[in-house]
Amino acid sequence: MFEIPKLSHTASGNFFLMAGPCAIEGEEMALQIAEHLKELTDRLQIPLIFKGSYRKANRSRLDSFTGIGDEKALRILRKVSETFEVPTVTDIHETTEAAMAAEYVDVLQIPAFLCRQTDLLIAAAETGKVINVKKGQFLSGAAMKFAVEKIHQSGNEKVILTDRGNSFGYSDLVVDFRNLPEMQATGAPVVMDVTHSLQQPNQSSGVTGGKPALIETIAKAAIAVGADGLFIETHPTPSIAKSDGANMLPLAQLEELLQKLVRIRQAVK
């Protein structure tokens, strides 16, 4: 059974990594990314959870890419897990999706905008899976204790909390690193979502922008502060990705970044 990785429990003492494409675009692409991530994280002794959204429910425009079909994408996530022996995570949006997605993945993720949705948290908790709850852009880290309590009171102690920045005006986000220790006070492992925290939402074009040049800055700071894990969306060619390409890390740049982060982790642990 998949167990939540924590700094104190990993053989290397490293942070863990939740990484993969924003959306599952196809089997070949998912397996290509997963193979690269698996080889890299094994070599650096970083526990890996492969991430991919089977459906993109939160889009600005009606013509935005939402997915290749729920069951098709979920089957690809299962194949990634079986092929590379790694746990997988995907996000759910409605109560009816919890049991369905739980048949295919190890971790159910609650999107930031939905972190206060009681019925959704309960449905996710009742699957018995690990639940990763992203902190709402409108909340403090301390306020996330209520999400944790809802899941615990529903009979599930397996919770991860993830910060993805706070709203800063109408079309930008800012990271308040006080949120990490505040969320760790709940007892849950805490992840910094590096790439989503650099989004620039609500652009006039209807396509979310981003500042990927600052990925290294946010990641380094999070490890220095003591984050248990990092969340990084990555793609071989972000410019042609079907979702969130503006803030994803090119896959070829991940190794150099992780090497730097491992050294920082070793220096501060």
Protein backbone atom coordinates (compact mmCIF):
# COMPACT_ATOMS: atom_id res chain seq x y z
CA MET A 1 0.00 0.00 0.00
CA PHE A 2 1.25 3.48 -0.87
CA GLU A 3 2.43 5.47 2.15
CA ILE A 4 2.87 9.24 2.27
CA PRO A 5 6.58 10.09 1.94
CA LYS A 6 7.91 12.44 4.61
CA LEU A 7 11.37 13.88 5.07
CA SER A 8 11.93 11.95 8.27
CA HIS A 9 10.95 8.67 6.60
CA THR A 10 12.88 8.76 3.32
CA ALA A 11 16.15 6.87 3.16
CA SER A 12 17.90 9.80 1.51
CA GLY A 13 16.34 12.48 3.71
CA ASN A 14 15.30 14.22 0.49
CA PHE A 15 12.09 16.05 -0.27
CA PHE A 16 9.59 14.10 -2.38
CA LEU A 17 8.48 15.19 -5.84
CA MET A 18 5.03 15.30 -7.40
CA ALA A 19 5.71 15.85 -11.09
CA GLY A 20 4.34 15.25 -14.54
CA PRO A 21 2.36 17.04 -17.24
CA CYS A 22 -0.55 19.33 -16.48
CA ALA A 23 -2.94 17.11 -18.43
CA ILE A 24 -2.74 13.59 -19.85
CA GLU A 25 -2.50 14.34 -23.57
CA GLY A 26 -1.84 10.77 -24.68
CA GLU A 27 -0.16 7.53 -23.68
CA GLU A 28 3.14 8.03 -25.51
CA MET A 29 3.70 11.47 -24.00
CA ALA A 30 2.81 10.32 -20.46
CA LEU A 31 5.12 7.28 -20.63
CA GLN A 32 7.95 9.39 -22.06
CA ILE A 33 7.73 11.89 -19.21
CA ALA A 34 7.31 9.18 -16.58
CA GLU A 35 10.35 7.24 -17.82
CA HIS A 36 12.52 10.36 -17.63
CA LEU A 37 11.21 11.27 -14.17
CA LYS A 38 11.69 7.74 -12.84
CA GLU A 39 15.29 7.48 -14.01
CA LEU A 40 16.15 10.92 -12.70
CA THR A 41 14.52 10.60 -9.28
CA ASP A 42 15.89 7.10 -8.72
CA ARG A 43 19.39 8.39 -9.39
CA LEU A 44 18.95 11.36 -7.04
CA GLN A 45 17.08 9.31 -4.42
CA ILE A 46 13.98 11.51 -4.55
CA PRO A 47 10.64 9.76 -3.90
CA LEU A 48 8.37 10.34 -6.92
CA ILE A 49 4.61 10.63 -7.32
CA PHE A 50 3.64 10.96 -11.01
CA LYS A 51 1.07 13.69 -11.64
CA GLY A 52 -1.38 14.06 -14.49
CA SER A 53 -4.90 15.49 -14.73
CA TYR A 54 -7.35 13.15 -16.46
CA ARG A 55 -9.74 16.08 -16.96
CA LYS A 56 -9.26 19.86 -16.83
CA ALA A 57 -12.49 21.18 -15.36
CA ASN A 58 -11.32 24.71 -14.53
CA ARG A 59 -10.81 26.48 -17.86
CA SER A 60 -11.34 30.12 -18.75
CA ARG A 61 -12.75 29.52 -22.23
CA LEU A 62 -15.20 26.97 -23.56
CA ASP A 63 -12.84 26.04 -26.39
CA SER A 64 -9.94 25.21 -24.03
CA PHE A 65 -8.59 21.64 -23.93
CA THR A 66 -10.25 19.62 -21.18
CA GLY A 67 -9.00 16.08 -21.80
CA ILE A 68 -8.89 13.01 -24.00
CA GLY A 69 -11.71 11.23 -22.16
CA ASP A 70 -11.91 10.30 -18.48
CA GLU A 71 -11.50 6.54 -18.68
CA LYS A 72 -8.84 6.72 -21.39
CA ALA A 73 -6.72 9.15 -19.37
CA LEU A 74 -7.21 7.23 -16.11
CA ARG A 75 -6.12 4.00 -17.81
CA ILE A 76 -2.94 5.78 -18.93
CA LEU A 77 -2.25 6.83 -15.35
CA ARG A 78 -2.67 3.22 -14.25
CA LYS A 79 -0.26 2.09 -17.00
CA VAL A 80 2.33 4.63 -15.83
CA SER A 81 2.05 3.28 -12.30
CA GLU A 82 2.33 -0.37 -13.37
CA THR A 83 5.12 0.23 -15.89
CA PHE A 84 7.40 2.29 -13.68
CA GLU A 85 6.21 1.17 -10.22
CA VAL A 86 5.43 4.71 -9.06
CA PRO A 87 2.36 6.08 -7.29
CA THR A 88 0.17 8.48 -9.24
CA VAL A 89 -1.95 11.52 -8.40
CA THR A 90 -4.82 13.18 -10.24
CA ASP A 91 -7.33 15.88 -9.34
CA ILE A 92 -11.06 15.44 -8.89
CA HIS A 93 -13.75 18.10 -9.08
CA GLU A 94 -17.08 16.58 -8.03
CA THR A 95 -18.14 14.00 -5.47
CA THR A 96 -19.05 11.48 -8.16
CA GLU A 97 -15.48 11.48 -9.46
CA ALA A 98 -13.87 10.35 -6.19
CA ALA A 99 -14.70 6.64 -6.33
CA MET A 100 -14.10 6.51 -10.08
CA ALA A 101 -10.62 8.04 -9.96
CA ALA A 102 -9.70 6.05 -6.84
CA GLU A 103 -9.89 2.86 -8.93
CA TYR A 104 -6.87 4.05 -10.96
CA VAL A 105 -4.61 6.26 -8.82
CA ASP A 106 -2.98 6.34 -5.39
CA VAL A 107 -3.56 9.99 -4.47
CA LEU A 108 -6.67 12.10 -5.04
CA GLN A 109 -6.03 15.81 -5.35
CA ILE A 110 -8.50 18.52 -4.37
CA PRO A 111 -8.02 21.68 -6.47
CA ALA A 112 -7.36 24.94 -4.65
CA PHE A 113 -10.68 26.52 -5.61
CA LEU A 114 -12.49 23.51 -4.13
CA CYS A 115 -10.59 23.08 -0.86
CA ARG A 116 -13.59 24.23 1.23
CA GLN A 117 -16.11 21.94 -0.51
CA THR A 118 -17.13 19.71 2.37
CA ASP A 119 -18.95 17.05 0.33
CA LEU A 120 -15.98 16.71 -2.02
CA LEU A 121 -13.51 16.32 0.85
CA ILE A 122 -15.73 13.70 2.49
CA ALA A 123 -16.17 11.74 -0.75
CA ALA A 124 -12.42 11.75 -1.33
CA ALA A 125 -11.69 10.73 2.27
CA GLU A 126 -14.12 7.84 2.11
CA THR A 127 -12.16 6.21 -0.73
CA GLY A 128 -9.33 5.54 1.73
CA LYS A 129 -6.80 7.02 -0.67
CA VAL A 130 -4.17 9.60 0.24
CA ILE A 131 -5.74 13.06 -0.22
CA ASN A 132 -3.68 16.02 -1.42
CA VAL A 133 -5.54 19.27 -0.73
CA LYS A 134 -4.31 22.40 -2.43
CA LYS A 135 -4.63 25.56 -0.36
CA GLY A 136 -7.05 28.05 -1.81
CA GLN A 137 -5.50 31.19 -3.26
CA PHE A 138 -7.85 33.07 -0.93
CA LEU A 139 -6.81 31.32 2.31
CA SER A 140 -4.02 31.49 4.85
CA GLY A 141 -1.99 28.42 5.64
CA ALA A 142 -3.46 28.26 9.13
CA ALA A 143 -7.00 28.04 7.74
CA MET A 144 -6.19 24.72 6.08
CA LYS A 145 -6.49 22.96 9.43
CA PHE A 146 -10.25 22.82 8.79
CA ALA A 147 -9.77 20.87 5.55
CA VAL A 148 -7.53 18.44 7.41
CA GLU A 149 -10.11 18.07 10.17
CA LYS A 150 -12.88 17.30 7.67
CA ILE A 151 -10.84 14.48 6.17
CA HIS A 152 -9.73 13.11 9.53
CA GLN A 153 -13.29 13.21 10.87
CA SER A 154 -14.37 11.25 7.78
CA GLY A 155 -12.10 8.40 8.83
CA ASN A 156 -9.00 9.13 6.76
CA GLU A 157 -5.70 10.24 8.33
CA LYS A 158 -3.75 10.30 5.05
CA VAL A 159 -3.54 13.99 4.09
CA ILE A 160 -1.02 16.11 2.18
CA LEU A 161 -1.36 19.90 1.98
CA THR A 162 -0.06 21.91 -0.98
CA ASP A 163 0.51 25.65 -1.28
CA ARG A 164 0.12 27.25 -4.71
CA GLY A 165 0.36 30.93 -3.87
CA ASN A 166 -2.15 33.60 -2.92
CA SER A 167 -4.14 35.93 -5.14
CA PHE A 168 -2.36 39.23 -5.68
CA GLY A 169 -4.69 41.61 -7.44
CA TYR A 170 -6.81 40.27 -10.27
CA SER A 171 -4.19 38.63 -12.47
CA ASP A 172 -1.23 37.55 -10.39
CA LEU A 173 -0.16 35.35 -7.48
CA VAL A 174 2.42 35.80 -4.73
CA VAL A 175 3.97 33.15 -2.46
CA ASP A 176 3.87 33.74 1.28
CA PHE A 177 6.34 31.23 2.72
CA ARG A 178 4.80 31.59 6.18
CA ASN A 179 2.10 29.27 4.85
CA LEU A 180 4.44 26.27 4.82
CA PRO A 181 5.19 26.06 8.56
CA GLU A 182 1.61 27.08 9.34
CA MET A 183 0.30 24.09 7.36
CA GLN A 184 2.96 21.77 8.79
CA ALA A 185 1.51 22.56 12.23
CA THR A 186 -1.46 20.35 11.24
CA GLY A 187 0.87 17.35 11.15
CA ALA A 188 0.41 16.85 7.40
CA PRO A 189 3.36 16.82 4.99
CA VAL A 190 3.44 20.10 3.07
CA VAL A 191 4.23 20.58 -0.60
CA MET A 192 5.08 23.73 -2.53
CA ASP A 193 3.40 23.80 -5.94
CA VAL A 194 6.17 25.65 -7.71
CA THR A 195 4.74 25.98 -11.19
CA HIS A 196 1.12 26.90 -10.38
CA SER A 197 2.27 29.54 -7.90
CA LEU A 198 3.83 31.33 -10.88
CA GLN A 199 0.62 31.49 -12.90
CA GLN A 200 -0.85 34.80 -14.04
CA PRO A 201 -4.57 33.98 -14.23
CA ASN A 202 -7.47 35.92 -15.70
CA GLN A 203 -5.61 37.30 -18.71
CA SER A 204 -7.67 39.19 -21.27
CA SER A 205 -6.95 36.48 -23.85
CA GLY A 206 -8.66 33.87 -21.69
CA VAL A 207 -5.40 31.87 -21.52
CA THR A 208 -3.51 31.81 -18.23
CA GLY A 209 -0.02 33.30 -18.33
CA GLY A 210 2.97 32.56 -16.15
CA LYS A 211 6.53 33.35 -15.07
CA PRO A 212 8.48 30.10 -15.56
CA ALA A 213 11.81 31.94 -15.25
CA LEU A 214 11.13 32.06 -11.49
CA ILE A 215 10.60 28.30 -11.04
CA GLU A 216 14.11 27.84 -9.65
CA THR A 217 13.67 30.78 -7.26
CA ILE A 218 10.44 29.48 -5.73
CA ALA A 219 11.73 25.89 -5.54
CA LYS A 220 14.96 26.87 -3.81
CA ALA A 221 13.14 29.02 -1.28
CA ALA A 222 10.63 26.26 -0.51
CA ILE A 223 13.35 23.70 0.20
CA ALA A 224 15.23 26.22 2.35
CA VAL A 225 12.06 26.89 4.37
CA GLY A 226 11.59 23.15 4.92
CA ALA A 227 8.93 21.97 2.48
CA ASP A 228 8.39 18.21 2.64
CA GLY A 229 7.77 18.01 -1.08
CA LEU A 230 7.64 19.93 -4.34
CA PHE A 231 5.00 19.91 -7.08
CA ILE A 232 6.38 20.69 -10.54
CA GLU A 233 4.51 20.37 -13.81
CA THR A 234 6.84 19.53 -16.68
CA HIS A 235 6.54 18.80 -20.38
CA PRO A 236 9.05 18.04 -23.16
CA THR A 237 7.87 21.14 -25.06
CA PRO A 238 5.73 23.46 -22.91
CA SER A 239 5.05 25.80 -25.83
CA ILE A 240 2.87 23.15 -27.46
CA ALA A 241 1.36 21.68 -24.29
CA LYS A 242 -2.42 21.58 -24.36
CA SER A 243 -2.78 23.01 -20.85
CA ASP A 244 -0.75 25.38 -18.64
CA GLY A 245 2.21 25.56 -21.01
CA ALA A 246 2.94 29.13 -19.90
CA ASN A 247 4.20 28.08 -16.48
CA MET A 248 5.53 24.52 -16.96
CA LEU A 249 9.20 23.57 -16.72
CA PRO A 250 10.82 22.07 -19.84
CA LEU A 251 11.57 18.44 -19.03
CA ALA A 252 15.21 18.81 -20.11
CA GLN A 253 15.78 21.46 -17.43
CA LEU A 254 14.53 19.36 -14.51
CA GLU A 255 17.73 17.44 -13.77
CA GLU A 256 19.88 20.52 -13.19
CA LEU A 257 17.19 22.05 -10.96
CA LEU A 258 16.79 18.91 -8.85
CA GLN A 259 20.54 18.59 -8.38
CA LYS A 260 20.64 22.11 -6.95
CA LEU A 261 17.64 21.43 -4.70
CA VAL A 262 19.17 18.23 -3.32
CA ARG A 263 22.28 20.17 -2.34
CA ILE A 264 20.17 22.81 -0.59
CA ARG A 265 18.22 20.09 1.23
CA GLN A 266 21.46 18.48 2.39
CA ALA A 267 22.74 21.83 3.62
CA VAL A 268 19.67 22.68 5.72
CA LYS A 269 18.59 19.28 7.07
